[in-house]
Amino acid sequence: YKVFFTTGEVDKVELVYSKFITLINSKPTVQTLLPLTPEGVVCDVDGNCVDAAEDEVFVLTSQDGQFAVEREATESGVAPLEGIITFEQDPNQVLDALLPLYMNSQILRALQESIASE
């Protein structure tokens, strides 16, 4: 996928998967992997986009003797990069090392959500 994108054969690389919503509900989702966006935007098939940093946590509880799932919205803040960090490698080397790990983690997450939503 990276080769096709960097050579210009494709303009965009998208991942289509079933996003886990609840135990009985899933949502078809389209995530753009390349080009990268600073926000990590995830869009559903209807074009509704959300910031991937605004994640949700599902908590399994009990109410009146029955299992219940509570949904809590969380926002992960991004701390500013301070000038005390020095990279010895060239920025391209750092990106070449991190990009495959990021892509693999996004694909693994999508597969896990698809399996969970079955």
PDB file of N, CA and C in Angstrom:
ATOM      1  N   TYR A   1       0.814  -1.189   0.000  1.00  0.00           N
ATOM      2  CA  TYR A   1       0.000   0.000   0.000  1.00  0.00           C
ATOM      3  C   TYR A   1       0.858   1.252   0.000  1.00  0.00           C
ATOM      4  N   LYS A   2       1.956   1.242   0.766  1.00  0.00           N
ATOM      5  CA  LYS A   2       2.834   2.410   0.830  1.00  0.00           C
ATOM      6  C   LYS A   2       3.526   2.641  -0.502  1.00  0.00           C
ATOM      7  N   VAL A   3       3.916   1.548  -1.165  1.00  0.00           N
ATOM      8  CA  VAL A   3       4.604   1.664  -2.449  1.00  0.00           C
ATOM      9  C   VAL A   3       3.688   2.309  -3.488  1.00  0.00           C
ATOM     10  N   PHE A   4       2.439   1.862  -3.558  1.00  0.00           N
ATOM     11  CA  PHE A   4       1.503   2.432  -4.521  1.00  0.00           C
ATOM     12  C   PHE A   4       1.241   3.905  -4.239  1.00  0.00           C
ATOM     13  N   PHE A   5       1.212   4.284  -2.956  1.00  0.00           N
ATOM     14  CA  PHE A   5       0.947   5.670  -2.590  1.00  0.00           C
ATOM     15  C   PHE A   5       2.148   6.561  -2.914  1.00  0.00           C
ATOM     16  N   THR A   6       3.354   6.094  -2.556  1.00  0.00           N
ATOM     17  CA  THR A   6       4.534   6.930  -2.775  1.00  0.00           C
ATOM     18  C   THR A   6       4.900   7.049  -4.245  1.00  0.00           C
ATOM     19  N   THR A   7       4.546   6.058  -5.054  1.00  0.00           N
ATOM     20  CA  THR A   7       4.839   6.155  -6.482  1.00  0.00           C
ATOM     21  C   THR A   7       3.772   6.937  -7.238  1.00  0.00           C
ATOM     22  N   GLY A   8       2.677   7.269  -6.558  1.00  0.00           N
ATOM     23  CA  GLY A   8       1.619   8.054  -7.183  1.00  0.00           C
ATOM     24  C   GLY A   8       0.585   7.236  -7.930  1.00  0.00           C
ATOM     25  N   GLU A   9       0.634   5.907  -7.809  1.00  0.00           N
ATOM     26  CA  GLU A   9      -0.353   5.071  -8.489  1.00  0.00           C
ATOM     27  C   GLU A   9      -1.738   5.228  -7.874  1.00  0.00           C
ATOM     28  N   VAL A  10      -1.783   5.523  -6.572  1.00  0.00           N
ATOM     29  CA  VAL A  10      -3.055   5.778  -5.899  1.00  0.00           C
ATOM     30  C   VAL A  10      -2.936   7.084  -5.127  1.00  0.00           C
ATOM     31  N   ASP A  11      -4.072   7.788  -4.973  1.00  0.00           N
ATOM     32  CA  ASP A  11      -4.083   9.055  -4.243  1.00  0.00           C
ATOM     33  C   ASP A  11      -4.335   8.871  -2.760  1.00  0.00           C
ATOM     34  N   LYS A  12      -4.986   7.776  -2.422  1.00  0.00           N
ATOM     35  CA  LYS A  12      -5.429   7.587  -1.048  1.00  0.00           C
ATOM     36  C   LYS A  12      -5.491   6.098  -0.738  1.00  0.00           C
ATOM     37  N   VAL A  13      -5.154   5.742   0.505  1.00  0.00           N
ATOM     38  CA  VAL A  13      -5.276   4.373   0.976  1.00  0.00           C
ATOM     39  C   VAL A  13      -6.297   4.391   2.110  1.00  0.00           C
ATOM     40  N   GLU A  14      -7.399   3.645   1.913  1.00  0.00           N
ATOM     41  CA  GLU A  14      -8.468   3.614   2.907  1.00  0.00           C
ATOM     42  C   GLU A  14      -8.686   2.200   3.402  1.00  0.00           C
ATOM     43  N   LEU A  15      -9.075   2.091   4.659  1.00  0.00           N
ATOM     44  CA  LEU A  15      -9.360   0.818   5.297  1.00  0.00           C
ATOM     45  C   LEU A  15     -10.842   0.784   5.627  1.00  0.00           C
ATOM     46  N   VAL A  16     -11.545  -0.228   5.126  1.00  0.00           N
ATOM     47  CA  VAL A  16     -12.980  -0.380   5.365  1.00  0.00           C
ATOM     48  C   VAL A  16     -13.163  -1.559   6.319  1.00  0.00           C
ATOM     49  N   TYR A  17     -13.863  -1.313   7.432  1.00  0.00           N
ATOM     50  CA  TYR A  17     -14.066  -2.369   8.420  1.00  0.00           C
ATOM     51  C   TYR A  17     -15.351  -2.117   9.201  1.00  0.00           C
ATOM     52  N   SER A  18     -15.755  -3.104   9.990  1.00  0.00           N
ATOM     53  CA  SER A  18     -16.940  -2.987  10.853  1.00  0.00           C
ATOM     54  C   SER A  18     -16.487  -2.493  12.223  1.00  0.00           C
ATOM     55  N   LYS A  19     -16.877  -1.277  12.573  1.00  0.00           N
ATOM     56  CA  LYS A  19     -16.513  -0.704  13.873  1.00  0.00           C
ATOM     57  C   LYS A  19     -17.430  -1.262  14.940  1.00  0.00           C
ATOM     58  N   PHE A  20     -16.841  -1.732  16.026  1.00  0.00           N
ATOM     59  CA  PHE A  20     -17.603  -2.281  17.137  1.00  0.00           C
ATOM     60  C   PHE A  20     -18.287  -1.144  17.892  1.00  0.00           C
ATOM     61  N   ILE A  21     -19.614  -1.205  17.997  1.00  0.00           N
ATOM     62  CA  ILE A  21     -20.378  -0.213  18.753  1.00  0.00           C
ATOM     63  C   ILE A  21     -20.883  -0.850  20.046  1.00  0.00           C
ATOM     64  N   THR A  22     -21.677  -1.897  19.927  1.00  0.00           N
ATOM     65  CA  THR A  22     -22.148  -2.670  21.079  1.00  0.00           C
ATOM     66  C   THR A  22     -22.099  -4.142  20.695  1.00  0.00           C
ATOM     67  N   LEU A  23     -22.537  -4.983  21.616  1.00  0.00           N
ATOM     68  CA  LEU A  23     -22.515  -6.417  21.337  1.00  0.00           C
ATOM     69  C   LEU A  23     -23.447  -6.797  20.202  1.00  0.00           C
ATOM     70  N   ILE A  24     -24.481  -6.004  19.942  1.00  0.00           N
ATOM     71  CA  ILE A  24     -25.417  -6.324  18.867  1.00  0.00           C
ATOM     72  C   ILE A  24     -25.420  -5.277  17.757  1.00  0.00           C
ATOM     73  N   ASN A  25     -24.506  -4.348  17.805  1.00  0.00           N
ATOM     74  CA  ASN A  25     -24.497  -3.273  16.817  1.00  0.00           C
ATOM     75  C   ASN A  25     -23.080  -2.999  16.339  1.00  0.00           C
ATOM     76  N   SER A  26     -22.919  -2.878  15.051  1.00  0.00           N
ATOM     77  CA  SER A  26     -21.638  -2.481  14.467  1.00  0.00           C
ATOM     78  C   SER A  26     -21.917  -1.458  13.381  1.00  0.00           C
ATOM     79  N   LYS A  27     -20.870  -0.747  12.975  1.00  0.00           N
ATOM     80  CA  LYS A  27     -21.048   0.326  12.011  1.00  0.00           C
ATOM     81  C   LYS A  27     -19.968   0.233  10.940  1.00  0.00           C
ATOM     82  N   PRO A  28     -20.349   0.201   9.656  1.00  0.00           N
ATOM     83  CA  PRO A  28     -19.333   0.201   8.604  1.00  0.00           C
ATOM     84  C   PRO A  28     -18.535   1.503   8.661  1.00  0.00           C
ATOM     85  N   THR A  29     -17.225   1.393   8.651  1.00  0.00           N
ATOM     86  CA  THR A  29     -16.351   2.546   8.831  1.00  0.00           C
ATOM     87  C   THR A  29     -15.278   2.562   7.759  1.00  0.00           C
ATOM     88  N   VAL A  30     -14.962   3.757   7.293  1.00  0.00           N
ATOM     89  CA  VAL A  30     -13.877   3.960   6.333  1.00  0.00           C
ATOM     90  C   VAL A  30     -12.841   4.844   7.004  1.00  0.00           C
ATOM     91  N   GLN A  31     -11.612   4.332   7.135  1.00  0.00           N
ATOM     92  CA  GLN A  31     -10.531   5.111   7.728  1.00  0.00           C
ATOM     93  C   GLN A  31      -9.471   5.357   6.673  1.00  0.00           C
ATOM     94  N   THR A  32      -9.087   6.607   6.507  1.00  0.00           N
ATOM     95  CA  THR A  32      -8.026   6.952   5.571  1.00  0.00           C
ATOM     96  C   THR A  32      -6.685   6.727   6.255  1.00  0.00           C
ATOM     97  N   LEU A  33      -5.888   5.792   5.697  1.00  0.00           N
ATOM     98  CA  LEU A  33      -4.562   5.527   6.246  1.00  0.00           C
ATOM     99  C   LEU A  33      -3.515   6.461   5.653  1.00  0.00           C
ATOM    100  N   LEU A  34      -3.588   6.667   4.370  1.00  0.00           N
ATOM    101  CA  LEU A  34      -2.663   7.574   3.679  1.00  0.00           C
ATOM    102  C   LEU A  34      -3.458   8.465   2.748  1.00  0.00           C
ATOM    103  N   PRO A  35      -3.231   9.730   2.664  1.00  0.00           N
ATOM    104  CA  PRO A  35      -2.217  10.495   3.388  1.00  0.00           C
ATOM    105  C   PRO A  35      -2.594  10.648   4.854  1.00  0.00           C
ATOM    106  N   LEU A  36      -1.585  10.759   5.699  1.00  0.00           N
ATOM    107  CA  LEU A  36      -1.812  10.915   7.124  1.00  0.00           C
ATOM    108  C   LEU A  36      -2.385  12.291   7.414  1.00  0.00           C
ATOM    109  N   THR A  37      -3.260  12.346   8.406  1.00  0.00           N
ATOM    110  CA  THR A  37      -3.783  13.624   8.868  1.00  0.00           C
ATOM    111  C   THR A  37      -3.338  13.822  10.309  1.00  0.00           C
ATOM    112  N   PRO A  38      -3.119  15.054  10.718  1.00  0.00           N
ATOM    113  CA  PRO A  38      -2.679  15.277  12.102  1.00  0.00           C
ATOM    114  C   PRO A  38      -3.696  14.804  13.123  1.00  0.00           C
ATOM    115  N   GLU A  39      -4.977  14.857  12.780  1.00  0.00           N
ATOM    116  CA  GLU A  39      -6.010  14.496  13.733  1.00  0.00           C
ATOM    117  C   GLU A  39      -6.294  13.005  13.756  1.00  0.00           C
ATOM    118  N   GLY A  40      -5.957  12.271  12.708  1.00  0.00           N
ATOM    119  CA  GLY A  40      -6.315  10.854  12.643  1.00  0.00           C
ATOM    120  C   GLY A  40      -7.795  10.690  12.414  1.00  0.00           C
ATOM    121  N   VAL A  41      -8.322  11.323  11.382  1.00  0.00           N
ATOM    122  CA  VAL A  41      -9.762  11.358  11.133  1.00  0.00           C
ATOM    123  C   VAL A  41     -10.263   9.988  10.694  1.00  0.00           C
ATOM    124  N   VAL A  42     -11.387   9.571  11.255  1.00  0.00           N
ATOM    125  CA  VAL A  42     -12.057   8.333  10.888  1.00  0.00           C
ATOM    126  C   VAL A  42     -13.445   8.706  10.405  1.00  0.00           C
ATOM    127  N   CYS A  43     -13.855   8.209   9.233  1.00  0.00           N
ATOM    128  CA  CYS A  43     -15.170   8.531   8.674  1.00  0.00           C
ATOM    129  C   CYS A  43     -15.967   7.251   8.471  1.00  0.00           C
ATOM    130  N   ASP A  44     -17.294   7.352   8.644  1.00  0.00           N
ATOM    131  CA  ASP A  44     -18.143   6.217   8.325  1.00  0.00           C
ATOM    132  C   ASP A  44     -18.543   6.301   6.855  1.00  0.00           C
ATOM    133  N   VAL A  45     -19.292   5.324   6.382  1.00  0.00           N
ATOM    134  CA  VAL A  45     -19.627   5.263   4.963  1.00  0.00           C
ATOM    135  C   VAL A  45     -20.550   6.399   4.541  1.00  0.00           C
ATOM    136  N   ASP A  46     -21.203   7.058   5.508  1.00  0.00           N
ATOM    137  CA  ASP A  46     -22.062   8.191   5.190  1.00  0.00           C
ATOM    138  C   ASP A  46     -21.287   9.506   5.113  1.00  0.00           C
ATOM    139  N   GLY A  47     -19.989   9.477   5.396  1.00  0.00           N
ATOM    140  CA  GLY A  47     -19.171  10.684   5.338  1.00  0.00           C
ATOM    141  C   GLY A  47     -19.092  11.445   6.640  1.00  0.00           C
ATOM    142  N   ASN A  48     -19.646  10.906   7.722  1.00  0.00           N
ATOM    143  CA  ASN A  48     -19.554  11.559   9.030  1.00  0.00           C
ATOM    144  C   ASN A  48     -18.191  11.252   9.622  1.00  0.00           C
ATOM    145  N   CYS A  49     -17.402  12.284   9.886  1.00  0.00           N
ATOM    146  CA  CYS A  49     -16.032  12.090  10.354  1.00  0.00           C
ATOM    147  C   CYS A  49     -15.911  12.472  11.828  1.00  0.00           C
ATOM    148  N   VAL A  50     -15.091  11.732  12.541  1.00  0.00           N
ATOM    149  CA  VAL A  50     -14.795  12.026  13.938  1.00  0.00           C
ATOM    150  C   VAL A  50     -13.294  11.974  14.129  1.00  0.00           C
ATOM    151  N   ASP A  51     -12.830  12.653  15.153  1.00  0.00           N
ATOM    152  CA  ASP A  51     -11.416  12.629  15.494  1.00  0.00           C
ATOM    153  C   ASP A  51     -11.136  11.327  16.244  1.00  0.00           C
ATOM    154  N   ALA A  52     -10.133  10.593  15.806  1.00  0.00           N
ATOM    155  CA  ALA A  52      -9.820   9.313  16.441  1.00  0.00           C
ATOM    156  C   ALA A  52      -9.332   9.491  17.878  1.00  0.00           C
ATOM    157  N   ALA A  53      -8.884  10.697  18.222  1.00  0.00           N
ATOM    158  CA  ALA A  53      -8.437  10.949  19.595  1.00  0.00           C
ATOM    159  C   ALA A  53      -9.616  10.957  20.562  1.00  0.00           C
ATOM    160  N   GLU A  54     -10.826  11.209  20.071  1.00  0.00           N
ATOM    161  CA  GLU A  54     -12.016  11.188  20.927  1.00  0.00           C
ATOM    162  C   GLU A  54     -12.543   9.760  20.982  1.00  0.00           C
ATOM    163  N   ASP A  55     -11.975   8.985  21.873  1.00  0.00           N
ATOM    164  CA  ASP A  55     -12.291   7.567  21.948  1.00  0.00           C
ATOM    165  C   ASP A  55     -13.366   7.332  22.996  1.00  0.00           C
ATOM    166  N   GLU A  56     -13.860   6.110  23.042  1.00  0.00           N
ATOM    167  CA  GLU A  56     -14.864   5.738  24.026  1.00  0.00           C
ATOM    168  C   GLU A  56     -14.387   4.527  24.805  1.00  0.00           C
ATOM    169  N   VAL A  57     -14.755   4.506  26.073  1.00  0.00           N
ATOM    170  CA  VAL A  57     -14.434   3.385  26.935  1.00  0.00           C
ATOM    171  C   VAL A  57     -15.745   2.722  27.318  1.00  0.00           C
ATOM    172  N   PHE A  58     -15.816   1.401  27.167  1.00  0.00           N
ATOM    173  CA  PHE A  58     -17.006   0.642  27.532  1.00  0.00           C
ATOM    174  C   PHE A  58     -16.742  -0.059  28.856  1.00  0.00           C
ATOM    175  N   VAL A  59     -17.643   0.140  29.809  1.00  0.00           N
ATOM    176  CA  VAL A  59     -17.500  -0.442  31.131  1.00  0.00           C
ATOM    177  C   VAL A  59     -18.654  -1.411  31.348  1.00  0.00           C
ATOM    178  N   LEU A  60     -18.329  -2.657  31.686  1.00  0.00           N
ATOM    179  CA  LEU A  60     -19.342  -3.668  31.964  1.00  0.00           C
ATOM    180  C   LEU A  60     -19.735  -3.556  33.433  1.00  0.00           C
ATOM    181  N   THR A  61     -21.007  -3.277  33.690  1.00  0.00           N
ATOM    182  CA  THR A  61     -21.509  -3.114  35.049  1.00  0.00           C
ATOM    183  C   THR A  61     -22.745  -3.981  35.228  1.00  0.00           C
ATOM    184  N   SER A  62     -23.350  -3.880  36.391  1.00  0.00           N
ATOM    185  CA  SER A  62     -24.615  -4.585  36.617  1.00  0.00           C
ATOM    186  C   SER A  62     -25.628  -3.580  37.151  1.00  0.00           C
ATOM    187  N   GLN A  63     -26.847  -3.690  36.637  1.00  0.00           N
ATOM    188  CA  GLN A  63     -27.946  -2.864  37.089  1.00  0.00           C
ATOM    189  C   GLN A  63     -29.154  -3.763  37.310  1.00  0.00           C
ATOM    190  N   ASP A  64     -29.699  -3.707  38.504  1.00  0.00           N
ATOM    191  CA  ASP A  64     -30.865  -4.515  38.851  1.00  0.00           C
ATOM    192  C   ASP A  64     -30.627  -6.004  38.599  1.00  0.00           C
ATOM    193  N   GLY A  65     -29.423  -6.460  38.888  1.00  0.00           N
ATOM    194  CA  GLY A  65     -29.108  -7.869  38.719  1.00  0.00           C
ATOM    195  C   GLY A  65     -28.825  -8.290  37.287  1.00  0.00           C
ATOM    196  N   GLN A  66     -28.801  -7.369  36.353  1.00  0.00           N
ATOM    197  CA  GLN A  66     -28.531  -7.662  34.939  1.00  0.00           C
ATOM    198  C   GLN A  66     -27.236  -6.970  34.512  1.00  0.00           C
ATOM    199  N   PHE A  67     -26.567  -7.584  33.546  1.00  0.00           N
ATOM    200  CA  PHE A  67     -25.380  -6.942  32.997  1.00  0.00           C
ATOM    201  C   PHE A  67     -25.785  -5.721  32.182  1.00  0.00           C
ATOM    202  N   ALA A  68     -24.954  -4.695  32.247  1.00  0.00           N
ATOM    203  CA  ALA A  68     -25.184  -3.483  31.471  1.00  0.00           C
ATOM    204  C   ALA A  68     -23.837  -2.959  30.996  1.00  0.00           C
ATOM    205  N   VAL A  69     -23.858  -2.283  29.878  1.00  0.00           N
ATOM    206  CA  VAL A  69     -22.645  -1.688  29.334  1.00  0.00           C
ATOM    207  C   VAL A  69     -22.815  -0.177  29.356  1.00  0.00           C
ATOM    208  N   GLU A  70     -21.881   0.487  30.017  1.00  0.00           N
ATOM    209  CA  GLU A  70     -21.891   1.939  30.066  1.00  0.00           C
ATOM    210  C   GLU A  70     -20.807   2.475  29.146  1.00  0.00           C
ATOM    211  N   ARG A  71     -21.134   3.514  28.436  1.00  0.00           N
ATOM    212  CA  ARG A  71     -20.207   4.121  27.486  1.00  0.00           C
ATOM    213  C   ARG A  71     -19.729   5.449  28.061  1.00  0.00           C
ATOM    214  N   GLU A  72     -18.414   5.630  28.099  1.00  0.00           N
ATOM    215  CA  GLU A  72     -17.828   6.870  28.583  1.00  0.00           C
ATOM    216  C   GLU A  72     -16.946   7.456  27.483  1.00  0.00           C
ATOM    217  N   ALA A  73     -17.193   8.700  27.146  1.00  0.00           N
ATOM    218  CA  ALA A  73     -16.356   9.370  26.141  1.00  0.00           C
ATOM    219  C   ALA A  73     -15.081   9.861  26.812  1.00  0.00           C
ATOM    220  N   THR A  74     -13.970   9.667  26.144  1.00  0.00           N
ATOM    221  CA  THR A  74     -12.687  10.145  26.650  1.00  0.00           C
ATOM    222  C   THR A  74     -12.016  10.968  25.577  1.00  0.00           C
ATOM    223  N   GLU A  75     -11.287  11.930  26.001  1.00  0.00           N
ATOM    224  CA  GLU A  75     -10.499  12.729  25.062  1.00  0.00           C
ATOM    225  C   GLU A  75      -9.047  12.632  25.484  1.00  0.00           C
ATOM    226  N   SER A  76      -8.198  12.290  24.542  1.00  0.00           N
ATOM    227  CA  SER A  76      -6.776  12.201  24.836  1.00  0.00           C
ATOM    228  C   SER A  76      -6.109  13.474  24.344  1.00  0.00           C
ATOM    229  N   GLY A  77      -5.585  14.219  25.260  1.00  0.00           N
ATOM    230  CA  GLY A  77      -4.913  15.465  24.904  1.00  0.00           C
ATOM    231  C   GLY A  77      -3.521  15.194  24.372  1.00  0.00           C
ATOM    232  N   VAL A  78      -3.064  16.052  23.529  1.00  0.00           N
ATOM    233  CA  VAL A  78      -1.722  15.923  22.973  1.00  0.00           C
ATOM    234  C   VAL A  78      -0.844  16.971  23.633  1.00  0.00           C
ATOM    235  N   ALA A  79       0.159  16.508  24.335  1.00  0.00           N
ATOM    236  CA  ALA A  79       1.069  17.431  25.007  1.00  0.00           C
ATOM    237  C   ALA A  79       1.986  18.086  23.988  1.00  0.00           C
ATOM    238  N   PRO A  80       2.318  19.346  24.192  1.00  0.00           N
ATOM    239  CA  PRO A  80       3.223  20.003  23.256  1.00  0.00           C
ATOM    240  C   PRO A  80       4.616  19.382  23.333  1.00  0.00           C
ATOM    241  N   LEU A  81       5.274  19.311  22.207  1.00  0.00           N
ATOM    242  CA  LEU A  81       6.620  18.744  22.135  1.00  0.00           C
ATOM    243  C   LEU A  81       7.606  19.783  22.632  1.00  0.00           C
ATOM    244  N   GLU A  82       8.278  19.447  23.701  1.00  0.00           N
ATOM    245  CA  GLU A  82       9.245  20.375  24.263  1.00  0.00           C
ATOM    246  C   GLU A  82      10.563  20.254  23.521  1.00  0.00           C
ATOM    247  N   GLY A  83      11.346  21.287  23.583  1.00  0.00           N
ATOM    248  CA  GLY A  83      12.608  21.321  22.864  1.00  0.00           C
ATOM    249  C   GLY A  83      13.727  20.542  23.501  1.00  0.00           C
ATOM    250  N   ILE A  84      13.435  19.747  24.543  1.00  0.00           N
ATOM    251  CA  ILE A  84      14.507  19.015  25.214  1.00  0.00           C
ATOM    252  C   ILE A  84      14.787  17.672  24.564  1.00  0.00           C
ATOM    253  N   ILE A  85      13.959  17.285  23.606  1.00  0.00           N
ATOM    254  CA  ILE A  85      14.152  15.996  22.930  1.00  0.00           C
ATOM    255  C   ILE A  85      15.001  16.218  21.683  1.00  0.00           C
ATOM    256  N   THR A  86      16.065  15.440  21.567  1.00  0.00           N
ATOM    257  CA  THR A  86      16.930  15.527  20.404  1.00  0.00           C
ATOM    258  C   THR A  86      16.963  14.165  19.725  1.00  0.00           C
ATOM    259  N   PHE A  87      16.675  14.137  18.422  1.00  0.00           N
ATOM    260  CA  PHE A  87      16.746  12.913  17.649  1.00  0.00           C
ATOM    261  C   PHE A  87      18.084  12.869  16.936  1.00  0.00           C
ATOM    262  N   GLU A  88      18.809  11.775  17.118  1.00  0.00           N
ATOM    263  CA  GLU A  88      20.092  11.646  16.451  1.00  0.00           C
ATOM    264  C   GLU A  88      19.929  11.200  15.005  1.00  0.00           C
ATOM    265  N   GLN A  89      18.845  10.488  14.728  1.00  0.00           N
ATOM    266  CA  GLN A  89      18.617  10.013  13.380  1.00  0.00           C
ATOM    267  C   GLN A  89      17.993  11.123  12.540  1.00  0.00           C
ATOM    268  N   ASP A  90      18.122  10.944  11.250  1.00  0.00           N
ATOM    269  CA  ASP A  90      17.469  11.827  10.303  1.00  0.00           C
ATOM    270  C   ASP A  90      15.957  11.658  10.450  1.00  0.00           C
ATOM    271  N   PRO A  91      15.165  12.742  10.348  1.00  0.00           N
ATOM    272  CA  PRO A  91      13.707  12.603  10.483  1.00  0.00           C
ATOM    273  C   PRO A  91      13.101  11.570   9.530  1.00  0.00           C
ATOM    274  N   ASN A  92      13.662  11.425   8.342  1.00  0.00           N
ATOM    275  CA  ASN A  92      13.155  10.415   7.410  1.00  0.00           C
ATOM    276  C   ASN A  92      13.390   8.997   7.930  1.00  0.00           C
ATOM    277  N   GLN A  93      14.514   8.779   8.597  1.00  0.00           N
ATOM    278  CA  GLN A  93      14.781   7.464   9.177  1.00  0.00           C
ATOM    279  C   GLN A  93      13.790   7.160  10.303  1.00  0.00           C
ATOM    280  N   VAL A  94      13.499   8.161  11.123  1.00  0.00           N
ATOM    281  CA  VAL A  94      12.543   7.971  12.206  1.00  0.00           C
ATOM    282  C   VAL A  94      11.164   7.651  11.634  1.00  0.00           C
ATOM    283  N   LEU A  95      10.754   8.407  10.619  1.00  0.00           N
ATOM    284  CA  LEU A  95       9.445   8.172  10.002  1.00  0.00           C
ATOM    285  C   LEU A  95       9.396   6.804   9.330  1.00  0.00           C
ATOM    286  N   ASP A  96      10.461   6.410   8.648  1.00  0.00           N
ATOM    287  CA  ASP A  96      10.501   5.097   7.997  1.00  0.00           C
ATOM    288  C   ASP A  96      10.424   3.962   9.012  1.00  0.00           C
ATOM    289  N   ALA A  97      10.925   4.191  10.221  1.00  0.00           N
ATOM    290  CA  ALA A  97      10.852   3.157  11.257  1.00  0.00           C
ATOM    291  C   ALA A  97       9.478   3.118  11.922  1.00  0.00           C
ATOM    292  N   LEU A  98       8.851   4.282  12.112  1.00  0.00           N
ATOM    293  CA  LEU A  98       7.582   4.342  12.830  1.00  0.00           C
ATOM    294  C   LEU A  98       6.359   4.096  11.957  1.00  0.00           C
ATOM    295  N   LEU A  99       6.423   4.483  10.689  1.00  0.00           N
ATOM    296  CA  LEU A  99       5.258   4.361   9.825  1.00  0.00           C
ATOM    297  C   LEU A  99       4.762   2.925   9.673  1.00  0.00           C
ATOM    298  N   PRO A 100       5.631   1.937   9.443  1.00  0.00           N
ATOM    299  CA  PRO A 100       5.122   0.550   9.365  1.00  0.00           C
ATOM    300  C   PRO A 100       4.483   0.083  10.670  1.00  0.00           C
ATOM    301  N   LEU A 101       5.033   0.494  11.817  1.00  0.00           N
ATOM    302  CA  LEU A 101       4.437   0.119  13.094  1.00  0.00           C
ATOM    303  C   LEU A 101       3.063   0.750  13.263  1.00  0.00           C
ATOM    304  N   TYR A 102       2.918   2.001  12.867  1.00  0.00           N
ATOM    305  CA  TYR A 102       1.625   2.679  12.946  1.00  0.00           C
ATOM    306  C   TYR A 102       0.602   2.010  12.040  1.00  0.00           C
ATOM    307  N   MET A 103       0.993   1.726  10.800  1.00  0.00           N
ATOM    308  CA  MET A 103       0.073   1.093   9.854  1.00  0.00           C
ATOM    309  C   MET A 103      -0.352  -0.287  10.337  1.00  0.00           C
ATOM    310  N   ASN A 104       0.598  -1.060  10.840  1.00  0.00           N
ATOM    311  CA  ASN A 104       0.272  -2.394  11.352  1.00  0.00           C
ATOM    312  C   ASN A 104      -0.685  -2.309  12.532  1.00  0.00           C
ATOM    313  N   SER A 105      -0.480  -1.327  13.408  1.00  0.00           N
ATOM    314  CA  SER A 105      -1.364  -1.199  14.565  1.00  0.00           C
ATOM    315  C   SER A 105      -2.767  -0.772  14.142  1.00  0.00           C
ATOM    316  N   GLN A 106      -2.893   0.082  13.127  1.00  0.00           N
ATOM    317  CA  GLN A 106      -4.206   0.496  12.653  1.00  0.00           C
ATOM    318  C   GLN A 106      -4.950  -0.666  11.999  1.00  0.00           C
ATOM    319  N   ILE A 107      -4.229  -1.456  11.226  1.00  0.00           N
ATOM    320  CA  ILE A 107      -4.847  -2.627  10.580  1.00  0.00           C
ATOM    321  C   ILE A 107      -5.241  -3.665  11.622  1.00  0.00           C
ATOM    322  N   LEU A 108      -4.376  -3.906  12.615  1.00  0.00           N
ATOM    323  CA  LEU A 108      -4.694  -4.855  13.678  1.00  0.00           C
ATOM    324  C   LEU A 108      -5.913  -4.392  14.471  1.00  0.00           C
ATOM    325  N   ARG A 109      -6.002  -3.099  14.787  1.00  0.00           N
ATOM    326  CA  ARG A 109      -7.141  -2.573  15.516  1.00  0.00           C
ATOM    327  C   ARG A 109      -8.424  -2.761  14.723  1.00  0.00           C
ATOM    328  N   ALA A 110      -8.369  -2.489  13.421  1.00  0.00           N
ATOM    329  CA  ALA A 110      -9.557  -2.664  12.576  1.00  0.00           C
ATOM    330  C   ALA A 110      -9.977  -4.122  12.523  1.00  0.00           C
ATOM    331  N   LEU A 111      -9.017  -5.032  12.432  1.00  0.00           N
ATOM    332  CA  LEU A 111      -9.348  -6.460  12.434  1.00  0.00           C
ATOM    333  C   LEU A 111      -9.962  -6.891  13.748  1.00  0.00           C
ATOM    334  N   GLN A 112      -9.415  -6.371  14.862  1.00  0.00           N
ATOM    335  CA  GLN A 112      -9.960  -6.717  16.174  1.00  0.00           C
ATOM    336  C   GLN A 112     -11.385  -6.188  16.332  1.00  0.00           C
ATOM    337  N   GLU A 113     -11.638  -4.964  15.869  1.00  0.00           N
ATOM    338  CA  GLU A 113     -12.993  -4.414  15.951  1.00  0.00           C
ATOM    339  C   GLU A 113     -13.952  -5.191  15.065  1.00  0.00           C
ATOM    340  N   SER A 114     -13.488  -5.619  13.891  1.00  0.00           N
ATOM    341  CA  SER A 114     -14.350  -6.406  13.002  1.00  0.00           C
ATOM    342  C   SER A 114     -14.697  -7.743  13.608  1.00  0.00           C
ATOM    343  N   ILE A 115     -13.721  -8.388  14.244  1.00  0.00           N
ATOM    344  CA  ILE A 115     -13.977  -9.677  14.892  1.00  0.00           C
ATOM    345  C   ILE A 115     -14.909  -9.493  16.080  1.00  0.00           C
ATOM    346  N   ALA A 116     -14.693  -8.437  16.863  1.00  0.00           N
ATOM    347  CA  ALA A 116     -15.541  -8.182  18.035  1.00  0.00           C
ATOM    348  C   ALA A 116     -16.977  -7.868  17.633  1.00  0.00           C
ATOM    349  N   SER A 117     -17.154  -7.292  16.446  1.00  0.00           N
ATOM    350  CA  SER A 117     -18.508  -6.907  16.036  1.00  0.00           C
ATOM    351  C   SER A 117     -19.261  -8.045  15.364  1.00  0.00           C
ATOM    352  N   GLU A 118     -18.636  -9.190  15.171  1.00  0.00           N
ATOM    353  CA  GLU A 118     -19.334 -10.329  14.547  1.00  0.00           C
ATOM    354  C   GLU A 118     -20.253 -11.015  15.518  1.00  0.00           C
TER     355      GLU A 118
END
